[in-house]
Amino acid sequence: MKLDPAVVKLLDLDPQNTSVSSAGGGGMSSASTSKIATKLGDGTEKMFFMKTGRGREAEIMFKGEHASLNALYNAVPSLCPQSFGHGQFSSQPSIYFLVTNYLDLSRRSSSRSSAPSLAEKLAKLHTTPAPIPEGYDKPMFGFPVTTCCGDTPQDNEFKSSWADFYANNRLRFILRRAEKSNGSDKELHNLLEATASNVVPRLIGDDHLNKGKGIAPVVVHGDLWSGNASVGVIGTKGGEAEEVVYDPSACYAHSEFELGIMKMFGGFGGSFLKEYHQICPKTEPVGEYEDRVKLYELYHHLNHYALFGGGYRSGAVSIMKNLVRKYGGD
């Protein structure tokens, strides 16, 4: 397999000392993955990981994943691979690519690792203030580029209010996607409107959280189910295997937003959360923590309903009915 000149140029490689081989699945339905191995001038070998896909969907997805990986990497470098760039093949302009550090998931440590745990790394990520976006004078909720959660391109337009962002850029946005995929749905529409209009300001309003002080945006992975976390070695310099994440769909958000999908699919037990919350405490009021996580889990039920249909609707309806019953009063 020959490496496209656009990738050679991006990474400044010597094509004569570089090889490309398949690396298995690619995360999105139409993506394929490759391992790039190159010999440097000093005789050492360096490896990269490359995703490729066709068309506008791949272009959007790779641009979002590039920015997401580097947002996580800049806050906690050992949490995920660094992305080196994305672009278009010069030999086949319909093919887009993303190139990151190689992540060797086959290297598992047999003994207790001395590296920080995933709970520690995630807590560090969620206690690191988000950067100030270009053109703004303070941190905002949102993200500079479109990101994809599964195959859903998300609306990351910046908002100063987390409640506004979650109600509009996540809940109302994903309802439109779900109705486009599955047809109009009066019950779902009315429940979501009651949730966005009444439950959201009551549970996560800016004047409600942290005794009226609100919350500061932090970078979240955005799609952190157990299939996007593993143990491995980043890069080719060796070292011990440690817990890492990949395939992010980042945004600047409330730290607890991360926990919605983590709870939906499981894989992160009570000991994980106990360790995590020792570093990243639950937002006040702590008594409403479980309901906030349920509210954040709702988005992922709706996204899965938009993508796959079927039984995900009933999960979303159940969550909304319970939250509206509890918090939906005027």
C-alpha atoms as a PDB file:
ATOM      1  CA  MET A   1       0.000   0.000   0.000  1.00  0.00           C
ATOM      2  CA  LYS A   2       1.407   3.383  -1.018  1.00  0.00           C
ATOM      3  CA  LEU A   3       1.127   6.442   1.224  1.00  0.00           C
ATOM      4  CA  ASP A   4      -0.631   9.424  -0.353  1.00  0.00           C
ATOM      5  CA  PRO A   5       1.630  12.461  -0.981  1.00  0.00           C
ATOM      6  CA  ALA A   6      -0.626  14.691   1.144  1.00  0.00           C
ATOM      7  CA  VAL A   7       0.096  12.521   4.208  1.00  0.00           C
ATOM      8  CA  VAL A   8       3.810  12.352   3.355  1.00  0.00           C
ATOM      9  CA  LYS A   9       3.878  16.149   3.236  1.00  0.00           C
ATOM     10  CA  LEU A  10       1.889  16.611   6.459  1.00  0.00           C
ATOM     11  CA  LEU A  11       4.160  14.321   8.462  1.00  0.00           C
ATOM     12  CA  ASP A  12       7.372  15.234   6.593  1.00  0.00           C
ATOM     13  CA  LEU A  13       8.211  11.581   5.903  1.00  0.00           C
ATOM     14  CA  ASP A  14      10.664   9.828   3.618  1.00  0.00           C
ATOM     15  CA  PRO A  15       8.447   7.657   1.354  1.00  0.00           C
ATOM     16  CA  GLN A  16      11.335   5.254   0.719  1.00  0.00           C
ATOM     17  CA  ASN A  17      11.514   4.389   4.416  1.00  0.00           C
ATOM     18  CA  THR A  18       7.775   4.343   5.117  1.00  0.00           C
ATOM     19  CA  SER A  19       5.214   1.539   4.912  1.00  0.00           C
ATOM     20  CA  VAL A  20       1.431   1.426   5.317  1.00  0.00           C
ATOM     21  CA  SER A  21      -0.637  -1.547   6.487  1.00  0.00           C
ATOM     22  CA  SER A  22      -4.261  -2.147   7.519  1.00  0.00           C
ATOM     23  CA  ALA A  23      -5.128  -1.633  11.195  1.00  0.00           C
ATOM     24  CA  GLY A  24      -8.667  -3.023  11.488  1.00  0.00           C
ATOM     25  CA  GLY A  25     -11.931  -1.154  12.168  1.00  0.00           C
ATOM     26  CA  GLY A  26     -12.384   2.599  12.044  1.00  0.00           C
ATOM     27  CA  GLY A  27     -15.115   3.728  14.406  1.00  0.00           C
ATOM     28  CA  MET A  28     -17.492   5.131  11.817  1.00  0.00           C
ATOM     29  CA  SER A  29     -19.342   2.867   9.422  1.00  0.00           C
ATOM     30  CA  SER A  30     -17.520   4.024   6.297  1.00  0.00           C
ATOM     31  CA  ALA A  31     -13.995   4.565   7.710  1.00  0.00           C
ATOM     32  CA  SER A  32     -10.967   2.328   7.347  1.00  0.00           C
ATOM     33  CA  THR A  33      -7.779   2.462   9.381  1.00  0.00           C
ATOM     34  CA  SER A  34      -4.075   2.044   8.689  1.00  0.00           C
ATOM     35  CA  LYS A  35      -0.783   1.872  10.540  1.00  0.00           C
ATOM     36  CA  ILE A  36       2.030   4.004   9.123  1.00  0.00           C
ATOM     37  CA  ALA A  37       5.551   2.885  10.051  1.00  0.00           C
ATOM     38  CA  THR A  38       8.545   5.041   9.145  1.00  0.00           C
ATOM     39  CA  LYS A  39      12.268   4.848   9.830  1.00  0.00           C
ATOM     40  CA  LEU A  40      13.783   8.132  10.985  1.00  0.00           C
ATOM     41  CA  GLY A  41      17.234   9.452  10.137  1.00  0.00           C
ATOM     42  CA  ASP A  42      18.709   8.131  13.388  1.00  0.00           C
ATOM     43  CA  GLY A  43      17.495   4.613  12.593  1.00  0.00           C
ATOM     44  CA  THR A  44      14.603   4.572  15.074  1.00  0.00           C
ATOM     45  CA  GLU A  45      11.091   3.669  13.999  1.00  0.00           C
ATOM     46  CA  LYS A  46       8.022   5.849  14.493  1.00  0.00           C
ATOM     47  CA  MET A  47       4.417   4.778  13.949  1.00  0.00           C
ATOM     48  CA  PHE A  48       1.242   6.703  13.208  1.00  0.00           C
ATOM     49  CA  PHE A  49      -2.431   5.752  13.039  1.00  0.00           C
ATOM     50  CA  MET A  50      -4.530   6.911  10.070  1.00  0.00           C
ATOM     51  CA  LYS A  51      -8.279   6.897   9.441  1.00  0.00           C
ATOM     52  CA  THR A  52      -9.630   7.384   5.938  1.00  0.00           C
ATOM     53  CA  GLY A  53     -13.158   7.889   4.643  1.00  0.00           C
ATOM     54  CA  ARG A  54     -15.010   9.241   1.628  1.00  0.00           C
ATOM     55  CA  GLY A  55     -17.002  12.414   1.153  1.00  0.00           C
ATOM     56  CA  ARG A  56     -18.262  15.331   3.174  1.00  0.00           C
ATOM     57  CA  GLU A  57     -19.268  13.166   6.156  1.00  0.00           C
ATOM     58  CA  ALA A  58     -15.683  11.979   6.603  1.00  0.00           C
ATOM     59  CA  GLU A  59     -14.313  15.513   6.205  1.00  0.00           C
ATOM     60  CA  ILE A  60     -16.581  16.830   8.984  1.00  0.00           C
ATOM     61  CA  MET A  61     -15.931  13.848  11.247  1.00  0.00           C
ATOM     62  CA  PHE A  62     -12.146  13.965  10.947  1.00  0.00           C
ATOM     63  CA  LYS A  63     -11.984  17.725  11.446  1.00  0.00           C
ATOM     64  CA  GLY A  64     -14.028  17.326  14.644  1.00  0.00           C
ATOM     65  CA  GLU A  65     -12.028  14.366  15.887  1.00  0.00           C
ATOM     66  CA  HIS A  66      -8.724  16.181  15.242  1.00  0.00           C
ATOM     67  CA  ALA A  67      -9.845  19.174  17.327  1.00  0.00           C
ATOM     68  CA  SER A  68     -11.360  16.904  19.994  1.00  0.00           C
ATOM     69  CA  LEU A  69      -8.249  14.772  20.458  1.00  0.00           C
ATOM     70  CA  ASN A  70      -6.026  17.814  20.762  1.00  0.00           C
ATOM     71  CA  ALA A  71      -8.377  19.537  23.217  1.00  0.00           C
ATOM     72  CA  LEU A  72      -8.127  16.471  25.473  1.00  0.00           C
ATOM     73  CA  TYR A  73      -4.400  16.024  24.809  1.00  0.00           C
ATOM     74  CA  ASN A  74      -3.633  19.670  25.649  1.00  0.00           C
ATOM     75  CA  ALA A  75      -5.322  19.300  29.042  1.00  0.00           C
ATOM     76  CA  VAL A  76      -4.116  15.776  29.936  1.00  0.00           C
ATOM     77  CA  PRO A  77      -1.424  14.534  27.489  1.00  0.00           C
ATOM     78  CA  SER A  78      -1.448  10.934  28.728  1.00  0.00           C
ATOM     79  CA  LEU A  79      -5.231  10.571  28.281  1.00  0.00           C
ATOM     80  CA  CYS A  80      -5.371  10.086  24.499  1.00  0.00           C
ATOM     81  CA  PRO A  81      -3.293  10.113  21.312  1.00  0.00           C
ATOM     82  CA  GLN A  82      -2.272  13.456  19.829  1.00  0.00           C
ATOM     83  CA  SER A  83      -3.635  14.292  16.377  1.00  0.00           C
ATOM     84  CA  PHE A  84      -1.127  15.560  13.821  1.00  0.00           C
ATOM     85  CA  GLY A  85      -3.588  16.703  11.200  1.00  0.00           C
ATOM     86  CA  HIS A  86      -6.361  15.923   8.751  1.00  0.00           C
ATOM     87  CA  GLY A  87      -6.943  16.631   5.097  1.00  0.00           C
ATOM     88  CA  GLN A  88      -7.637  15.339   1.616  1.00  0.00           C
ATOM     89  CA  PHE A  89      -5.683  12.825  -0.440  1.00  0.00           C
ATOM     90  CA  SER A  90      -3.986  14.552  -3.367  1.00  0.00           C
ATOM     91  CA  SER A  91      -4.219  11.391  -5.500  1.00  0.00           C
ATOM     92  CA  GLN A  92      -7.939  10.832  -4.699  1.00  0.00           C
ATOM     93  CA  PRO A  93      -9.613  14.109  -3.622  1.00  0.00           C
ATOM     94  CA  SER A  94     -12.803  12.296  -2.554  1.00  0.00           C
ATOM     95  CA  ILE A  95     -10.870  10.565   0.273  1.00  0.00           C
ATOM     96  CA  TYR A  96     -10.208  12.366   3.559  1.00  0.00           C
ATOM     97  CA  PHE A  97      -7.781  11.353   6.293  1.00  0.00           C
ATOM     98  CA  LEU A  98      -6.897  11.881   9.939  1.00  0.00           C
ATOM     99  CA  VAL A  99      -3.437  11.044  11.341  1.00  0.00           C
ATOM    100  CA  THR A 100      -2.735  10.573  15.048  1.00  0.00           C
ATOM    101  CA  ASN A 101      -0.138   9.070  17.320  1.00  0.00           C
ATOM    102  CA  TYR A 102      -0.173   5.289  17.185  1.00  0.00           C
ATOM    103  CA  LEU A 103      -2.002   3.636  20.065  1.00  0.00           C
ATOM    104  CA  ASP A 104      -0.898   0.069  20.770  1.00  0.00           C
ATOM    105  CA  LEU A 105      -3.829  -1.561  22.557  1.00  0.00           C
ATOM    106  CA  SER A 106      -2.155  -4.983  22.546  1.00  0.00           C
ATOM    107  CA  ARG A 107       0.370  -3.915  25.181  1.00  0.00           C
ATOM    108  CA  ARG A 108      -1.348  -4.656  28.487  1.00  0.00           C
ATOM    109  CA  SER A 109       0.479  -4.535  31.788  1.00  0.00           C
ATOM    110  CA  SER A 110       0.319  -7.747  33.824  1.00  0.00           C
ATOM    111  CA  SER A 111       1.024  -5.964  37.102  1.00  0.00           C
ATOM    112  CA  ARG A 112      -0.513  -2.925  38.759  1.00  0.00           C
ATOM    113  CA  SER A 113       0.400   0.126  36.696  1.00  0.00           C
ATOM    114  CA  SER A 114       2.087   3.079  38.374  1.00  0.00           C
ATOM    115  CA  ALA A 115       0.445   5.416  35.839  1.00  0.00           C
ATOM    116  CA  PRO A 116      -2.561   7.536  36.870  1.00  0.00           C
ATOM    117  CA  SER A 117      -5.880   5.707  36.564  1.00  0.00           C
ATOM    118  CA  LEU A 118      -8.556   6.670  34.054  1.00  0.00           C
ATOM    119  CA  ALA A 119     -10.633   8.064  36.930  1.00  0.00           C
ATOM    120  CA  GLU A 120      -7.718  10.338  37.906  1.00  0.00           C
ATOM    121  CA  LYS A 121      -7.100  11.454  34.325  1.00  0.00           C
ATOM    122  CA  LEU A 122     -10.778  12.163  33.683  1.00  0.00           C
ATOM    123  CA  ALA A 123     -11.057  14.099  36.942  1.00  0.00           C
ATOM    124  CA  LYS A 124      -8.016  16.160  35.936  1.00  0.00           C
ATOM    125  CA  LEU A 125      -9.603  16.852  32.556  1.00  0.00           C
ATOM    126  CA  HIS A 126     -12.822  17.966  34.251  1.00  0.00           C
ATOM    127  CA  THR A 127     -11.069  20.274  36.698  1.00  0.00           C
ATOM    128  CA  THR A 128      -8.981  22.007  34.010  1.00  0.00           C
ATOM    129  CA  PRO A 129     -10.674  25.239  32.868  1.00  0.00           C
ATOM    130  CA  ALA A 130     -11.622  25.315  29.193  1.00  0.00           C
ATOM    131  CA  PRO A 131      -9.632  27.749  27.019  1.00  0.00           C
ATOM    132  CA  ILE A 132     -11.126  31.030  25.877  1.00  0.00           C
ATOM    133  CA  PRO A 133     -12.300  30.584  22.267  1.00  0.00           C
ATOM    134  CA  GLU A 134     -10.923  32.891  19.601  1.00  0.00           C
ATOM    135  CA  GLY A 135     -13.028  36.028  19.355  1.00  0.00           C
ATOM    136  CA  TYR A 136     -14.411  35.789  22.919  1.00  0.00           C
ATOM    137  CA  ASP A 137     -13.283  37.312  26.199  1.00  0.00           C
ATOM    138  CA  LYS A 138     -14.196  34.393  28.475  1.00  0.00           C
ATOM    139  CA  PRO A 139     -14.647  30.603  28.295  1.00  0.00           C
ATOM    140  CA  MET A 140     -17.864  29.544  26.547  1.00  0.00           C
ATOM    141  CA  PHE A 141     -20.007  26.426  26.246  1.00  0.00           C
ATOM    142  CA  GLY A 142     -19.716  24.777  22.820  1.00  0.00           C
ATOM    143  CA  PHE A 143     -16.759  24.009  20.580  1.00  0.00           C
ATOM    144  CA  PRO A 144     -14.894  25.726  17.711  1.00  0.00           C
ATOM    145  CA  VAL A 145     -15.843  23.057  15.136  1.00  0.00           C
ATOM    146  CA  THR A 146     -18.618  20.560  14.434  1.00  0.00           C
ATOM    147  CA  THR A 147     -18.079  17.224  16.181  1.00  0.00           C
ATOM    148  CA  CYS A 148     -19.828  13.916  15.537  1.00  0.00           C
ATOM    149  CA  CYS A 149     -21.365  11.752  18.245  1.00  0.00           C
ATOM    150  CA  GLY A 150     -21.660   8.470  16.398  1.00  0.00           C
ATOM    151  CA  ASP A 151     -22.604   9.655  12.914  1.00  0.00           C
ATOM    152  CA  THR A 152     -24.518  12.717  14.210  1.00  0.00           C
ATOM    153  CA  PRO A 153     -22.869  16.085  13.383  1.00  0.00           C
ATOM    154  CA  GLN A 154     -23.571  18.228  16.455  1.00  0.00           C
ATOM    155  CA  ASP A 155     -24.390  21.923  16.741  1.00  0.00           C
ATOM    156  CA  ASN A 156     -21.574  23.375  18.854  1.00  0.00           C
ATOM    157  CA  GLU A 157     -22.373  27.070  18.443  1.00  0.00           C
ATOM    158  CA  PHE A 158     -20.974  28.923  21.448  1.00  0.00           C
ATOM    159  CA  LYS A 159     -23.305  29.978  24.249  1.00  0.00           C
ATOM    160  CA  SER A 160     -22.503  31.753  27.518  1.00  0.00           C
ATOM    161  CA  SER A 161     -25.211  29.785  29.350  1.00  0.00           C
ATOM    162  CA  TRP A 162     -24.893  26.035  29.877  1.00  0.00           C
ATOM    163  CA  ALA A 163     -28.670  25.635  30.314  1.00  0.00           C
ATOM    164  CA  ASP A 164     -29.232  27.459  27.001  1.00  0.00           C
ATOM    165  CA  PHE A 165     -26.623  25.324  25.250  1.00  0.00           C
ATOM    166  CA  TYR A 166     -27.996  22.043  26.586  1.00  0.00           C
ATOM    167  CA  ALA A 167     -31.650  22.881  25.894  1.00  0.00           C
ATOM    168  CA  ASN A 168     -31.066  24.177  22.368  1.00  0.00           C
ATOM    169  CA  ASN A 169     -27.795  22.806  20.984  1.00  0.00           C
ATOM    170  CA  ARG A 170     -28.336  19.336  22.378  1.00  0.00           C
ATOM    171  CA  LEU A 171     -31.978  18.494  23.271  1.00  0.00           C
ATOM    172  CA  ARG A 172     -34.007  20.493  20.721  1.00  0.00           C
ATOM    173  CA  PHE A 173     -31.335  19.865  18.091  1.00  0.00           C
ATOM    174  CA  ILE A 174     -31.405  16.074  18.528  1.00  0.00           C
ATOM    175  CA  LEU A 175     -35.222  16.003  18.585  1.00  0.00           C
ATOM    176  CA  ARG A 176     -35.192  17.517  15.082  1.00  0.00           C
ATOM    177  CA  ARG A 177     -32.740  14.807  13.973  1.00  0.00           C
ATOM    178  CA  ALA A 178     -34.867  12.064  15.563  1.00  0.00           C
ATOM    179  CA  GLU A 179     -38.064  13.310  13.905  1.00  0.00           C
ATOM    180  CA  LYS A 180     -36.287  13.596  10.564  1.00  0.00           C
ATOM    181  CA  SER A 181     -35.201   9.948  10.881  1.00  0.00           C
ATOM    182  CA  ASN A 182     -38.349   8.466  12.422  1.00  0.00           C
ATOM    183  CA  GLY A 183     -41.188  10.839  11.550  1.00  0.00           C
ATOM    184  CA  SER A 184     -43.032  13.421  13.646  1.00  0.00           C
ATOM    185  CA  ASP A 185     -43.928  12.283  17.144  1.00  0.00           C
ATOM    186  CA  LYS A 186     -46.317  14.412  19.206  1.00  0.00           C
ATOM    187  CA  GLU A 187     -45.676  12.663  22.528  1.00  0.00           C
ATOM    188  CA  LEU A 188     -41.896  12.856  22.158  1.00  0.00           C
ATOM    189  CA  HIS A 189     -42.070  16.470  20.980  1.00  0.00           C
ATOM    190  CA  ASN A 190     -44.262  17.595  23.904  1.00  0.00           C
ATOM    191  CA  LEU A 191     -42.196  15.748  26.486  1.00  0.00           C
ATOM    192  CA  LEU A 192     -38.976  17.193  25.148  1.00  0.00           C
ATOM    193  CA  GLU A 193     -40.393  20.721  25.101  1.00  0.00           C
ATOM    194  CA  ALA A 194     -41.494  20.346  28.726  1.00  0.00           C
ATOM    195  CA  THR A 195     -38.022  19.052  29.595  1.00  0.00           C
ATOM    196  CA  ALA A 196     -36.153  21.817  27.748  1.00  0.00           C
ATOM    197  CA  SER A 197     -38.466  24.617  28.961  1.00  0.00           C
ATOM    198  CA  ASN A 198     -39.033  23.554  32.577  1.00  0.00           C
ATOM    199  CA  VAL A 199     -36.699  20.794  33.752  1.00  0.00           C
ATOM    200  CA  VAL A 200     -33.477  22.236  32.282  1.00  0.00           C
ATOM    201  CA  PRO A 201     -33.687  25.661  33.990  1.00  0.00           C
ATOM    202  CA  ARG A 202     -34.855  24.025  37.225  1.00  0.00           C
ATOM    203  CA  LEU A 203     -32.077  21.403  37.336  1.00  0.00           C
ATOM    204  CA  ILE A 204     -29.103  22.996  35.563  1.00  0.00           C
ATOM    205  CA  GLY A 205     -29.983  26.698  35.421  1.00  0.00           C
ATOM    206  CA  ASP A 206     -27.066  29.090  35.790  1.00  0.00           C
ATOM    207  CA  ASP A 207     -28.599  30.670  38.892  1.00  0.00           C
ATOM    208  CA  HIS A 208     -29.260  27.253  40.462  1.00  0.00           C
ATOM    209  CA  LEU A 209     -26.011  25.305  40.255  1.00  0.00           C
ATOM    210  CA  ASN A 210     -23.324  25.791  42.915  1.00  0.00           C
ATOM    211  CA  LYS A 211     -25.590  28.012  45.037  1.00  0.00           C
ATOM    212  CA  GLY A 212     -26.077  30.493  42.234  1.00  0.00           C
ATOM    213  CA  LYS A 213     -22.429  30.715  41.230  1.00  0.00           C
ATOM    214  CA  GLY A 214     -22.998  28.572  38.136  1.00  0.00           C
ATOM    215  CA  ILE A 215     -20.399  26.326  36.536  1.00  0.00           C
ATOM    216  CA  ALA A 216     -17.279  26.872  34.466  1.00  0.00           C
ATOM    217  CA  PRO A 217     -16.937  25.033  31.138  1.00  0.00           C
ATOM    218  CA  VAL A 218     -14.417  22.192  30.919  1.00  0.00           C
ATOM    219  CA  VAL A 219     -13.442  19.925  28.040  1.00  0.00           C
ATOM    220  CA  VAL A 220     -15.390  16.657  27.970  1.00  0.00           C
ATOM    221  CA  HIS A 221     -14.770  13.599  25.766  1.00  0.00           C
ATOM    222  CA  GLY A 222     -18.446  13.636  24.828  1.00  0.00           C
ATOM    223  CA  ASP A 223     -18.843   9.984  23.772  1.00  0.00           C
ATOM    224  CA  LEU A 224     -17.190   8.132  26.647  1.00  0.00           C
ATOM    225  CA  TRP A 225     -18.753   4.686  26.701  1.00  0.00           C
ATOM    226  CA  SER A 226     -16.613   1.681  27.637  1.00  0.00           C
ATOM    227  CA  GLY A 227     -15.858   0.888  23.970  1.00  0.00           C
ATOM    228  CA  ASN A 228     -13.962   4.186  23.671  1.00  0.00           C
ATOM    229  CA  ALA A 229     -11.634   3.447  26.608  1.00  0.00           C
ATOM    230  CA  SER A 230      -8.942   0.800  26.939  1.00  0.00           C
ATOM    231  CA  VAL A 231      -5.386   0.101  28.094  1.00  0.00           C
ATOM    232  CA  GLY A 232      -2.403   0.623  25.814  1.00  0.00           C
ATOM    233  CA  VAL A 233       0.765   2.490  24.973  1.00  0.00           C
ATOM    234  CA  ILE A 234       0.618   5.798  23.085  1.00  0.00           C
ATOM    235  CA  GLY A 235       3.374   6.308  20.517  1.00  0.00           C
ATOM    236  CA  THR A 236       6.451   4.213  19.877  1.00  0.00           C
ATOM    237  CA  LYS A 237       8.789   5.300  22.654  1.00  0.00           C
ATOM    238  CA  GLY A 238       7.810   2.366  24.836  1.00  0.00           C
ATOM    239  CA  GLY A 239       6.821   2.703  28.443  1.00  0.00           C
ATOM    240  CA  GLU A 240       4.160   0.924  30.430  1.00  0.00           C
ATOM    241  CA  ALA A 241       0.593   0.439  29.287  1.00  0.00           C
ATOM    242  CA  GLU A 242      -1.935   2.775  30.861  1.00  0.00           C
ATOM    243  CA  GLU A 243      -5.632   3.611  30.633  1.00  0.00           C
ATOM    244  CA  VAL A 244      -6.486   5.756  27.616  1.00  0.00           C
ATOM    245  CA  VAL A 245      -9.488   7.014  25.624  1.00  0.00           C
ATOM    246  CA  TYR A 246     -10.081   7.628  21.911  1.00  0.00           C
ATOM    247  CA  ASP A 247     -12.782   8.551  19.355  1.00  0.00           C
ATOM    248  CA  PRO A 248     -13.837  11.698  21.270  1.00  0.00           C
ATOM    249  CA  SER A 249     -16.655  14.086  20.397  1.00  0.00           C
ATOM    250  CA  ALA A 250     -15.470  16.954  22.561  1.00  0.00           C
ATOM    251  CA  CYS A 251     -17.097  20.170  23.666  1.00  0.00           C
ATOM    252  CA  TYR A 252     -16.745  22.697  26.463  1.00  0.00           C
ATOM    253  CA  ALA A 253     -19.486  21.629  28.864  1.00  0.00           C
ATOM    254  CA  HIS A 254     -20.560  20.904  32.433  1.00  0.00           C
ATOM    255  CA  SER A 255     -18.269  18.159  33.705  1.00  0.00           C
ATOM    256  CA  GLU A 256     -21.255  15.993  34.685  1.00  0.00           C
ATOM    257  CA  PHE A 257     -22.454  15.895  31.079  1.00  0.00           C
ATOM    258  CA  GLU A 258     -19.706  13.299  30.533  1.00  0.00           C
ATOM    259  CA  LEU A 259     -21.344  10.967  33.032  1.00  0.00           C
ATOM    260  CA  GLY A 260     -24.609  10.605  31.088  1.00  0.00           C
ATOM    261  CA  ILE A 261     -23.321   8.207  28.435  1.00  0.00           C
ATOM    262  CA  MET A 262     -20.982   6.537  30.934  1.00  0.00           C
ATOM    263  CA  LYS A 263     -24.032   5.599  33.013  1.00  0.00           C
ATOM    264  CA  MET A 264     -26.172   4.663  30.002  1.00  0.00           C
ATOM    265  CA  PHE A 265     -23.889   1.881  28.820  1.00  0.00           C
ATOM    266  CA  GLY A 266     -22.138   1.022  32.105  1.00  0.00           C
ATOM    267  CA  GLY A 267     -18.581  -0.196  32.443  1.00  0.00           C
ATOM    268  CA  PHE A 268     -17.615   2.498  34.962  1.00  0.00           C
ATOM    269  CA  GLY A 269     -18.552   1.190  38.402  1.00  0.00           C
ATOM    270  CA  GLY A 270     -18.928   2.661  41.859  1.00  0.00           C
ATOM    271  CA  SER A 271     -15.218   2.481  42.704  1.00  0.00           C
ATOM    272  CA  PHE A 272     -14.382   4.401  39.505  1.00  0.00           C
ATOM    273  CA  LEU A 273     -16.856   7.173  40.368  1.00  0.00           C
ATOM    274  CA  LYS A 274     -15.757   7.292  44.001  1.00  0.00           C
ATOM    275  CA  GLU A 275     -12.134   7.833  42.931  1.00  0.00           C
ATOM    276  CA  TYR A 276     -13.229  10.351  40.278  1.00  0.00           C
ATOM    277  CA  HIS A 277     -15.385  12.403  42.662  1.00  0.00           C
ATOM    278  CA  GLN A 278     -12.597  12.622  45.246  1.00  0.00           C
ATOM    279  CA  ILE A 279     -10.822  14.862  42.727  1.00  0.00           C
ATOM    280  CA  CYS A 280     -13.804  16.307  40.845  1.00  0.00           C
ATOM    281  CA  PRO A 281     -16.595  16.802  43.412  1.00  0.00           C
ATOM    282  CA  LYS A 282     -20.273  16.576  42.520  1.00  0.00           C
ATOM    283  CA  THR A 283     -21.833  19.921  41.641  1.00  0.00           C
ATOM    284  CA  GLU A 284     -24.124  21.519  44.225  1.00  0.00           C
ATOM    285  CA  PRO A 285     -26.892  20.716  44.968  1.00  0.00           C
ATOM    286  CA  VAL A 286     -25.476  17.225  45.468  1.00  0.00           C
ATOM    287  CA  GLY A 287     -28.963  15.856  46.187  1.00  0.00           C
ATOM    288  CA  GLU A 288     -29.921  16.440  42.529  1.00  0.00           C
ATOM    289  CA  TYR A 289     -26.790  14.832  41.085  1.00  0.00           C
ATOM    290  CA  GLU A 290     -28.492  11.578  39.982  1.00  0.00           C
ATOM    291  CA  ASP A 291     -31.257  13.512  38.214  1.00  0.00           C
ATOM    292  CA  ARG A 292     -28.752  15.738  36.420  1.00  0.00           C
ATOM    293  CA  VAL A 293     -26.899  12.673  35.157  1.00  0.00           C
ATOM    294  CA  LYS A 294     -30.242  11.242  33.962  1.00  0.00           C
ATOM    295  CA  LEU A 295     -30.954  14.512  32.153  1.00  0.00           C
ATOM    296  CA  TYR A 296     -27.578  14.225  30.412  1.00  0.00           C
ATOM    297  CA  GLU A 297     -28.156  10.544  29.639  1.00  0.00           C
ATOM    298  CA  LEU A 298     -31.357  11.601  27.841  1.00  0.00           C
ATOM    299  CA  TYR A 299     -29.384  13.206  25.010  1.00  0.00           C
ATOM    300  CA  HIS A 300     -27.694   9.915  24.183  1.00  0.00           C
ATOM    301  CA  HIS A 301     -30.980   7.962  24.181  1.00  0.00           C
ATOM    302  CA  LEU A 302     -32.348  10.520  21.720  1.00  0.00           C
ATOM    303  CA  ASN A 303     -29.184  10.427  19.618  1.00  0.00           C
ATOM    304  CA  HIS A 304     -29.326   6.630  19.436  1.00  0.00           C
ATOM    305  CA  TYR A 305     -33.015   6.860  18.517  1.00  0.00           C
ATOM    306  CA  ALA A 306     -32.117   9.319  15.738  1.00  0.00           C
ATOM    307  CA  LEU A 307     -29.375   6.995  14.475  1.00  0.00           C
ATOM    308  CA  PHE A 308     -30.892   3.549  15.023  1.00  0.00           C
ATOM    309  CA  GLY A 309     -34.590   3.958  15.868  1.00  0.00           C
ATOM    310  CA  GLY A 310     -36.207   1.137  17.814  1.00  0.00           C
ATOM    311  CA  GLY A 311     -36.192   0.796  21.560  1.00  0.00           C
ATOM    312  CA  TYR A 312     -34.142   3.898  22.331  1.00  0.00           C
ATOM    313  CA  ARG A 313     -37.343   5.977  22.160  1.00  0.00           C
ATOM    314  CA  SER A 314     -38.821   4.249  25.211  1.00  0.00           C
ATOM    315  CA  GLY A 315     -35.699   4.980  27.272  1.00  0.00           C
ATOM    316  CA  ALA A 316     -35.907   8.671  26.364  1.00  0.00           C
ATOM    317  CA  VAL A 317     -39.635   8.848  27.127  1.00  0.00           C
ATOM    318  CA  SER A 318     -39.160   7.166  30.511  1.00  0.00           C
ATOM    319  CA  ILE A 319     -36.420   9.599  31.539  1.00  0.00           C
ATOM    320  CA  MET A 320     -38.443  12.645  30.452  1.00  0.00           C
ATOM    321  CA  LYS A 321     -41.652  11.520  32.154  1.00  0.00           C
ATOM    322  CA  ASN A 322     -39.827  11.016  35.447  1.00  0.00           C
ATOM    323  CA  LEU A 323     -37.982  14.335  35.261  1.00  0.00           C
ATOM    324  CA  VAL A 324     -41.063  16.306  34.170  1.00  0.00           C
ATOM    325  CA  ARG A 325     -43.083  14.733  37.007  1.00  0.00           C
ATOM    326  CA  LYS A 326     -40.400  15.749  39.478  1.00  0.00           C
ATOM    327  CA  TYR A 327     -39.188  19.115  38.163  1.00  0.00           C
ATOM    328  CA  GLY A 328     -41.611  20.203  35.446  1.00  0.00           C
ATOM    329  CA  GLY A 329     -43.976  22.291  37.566  1.00  0.00           C
ATOM    330  CA  ASP A 330     -44.078  26.042  37.141  1.00  0.00           C
END
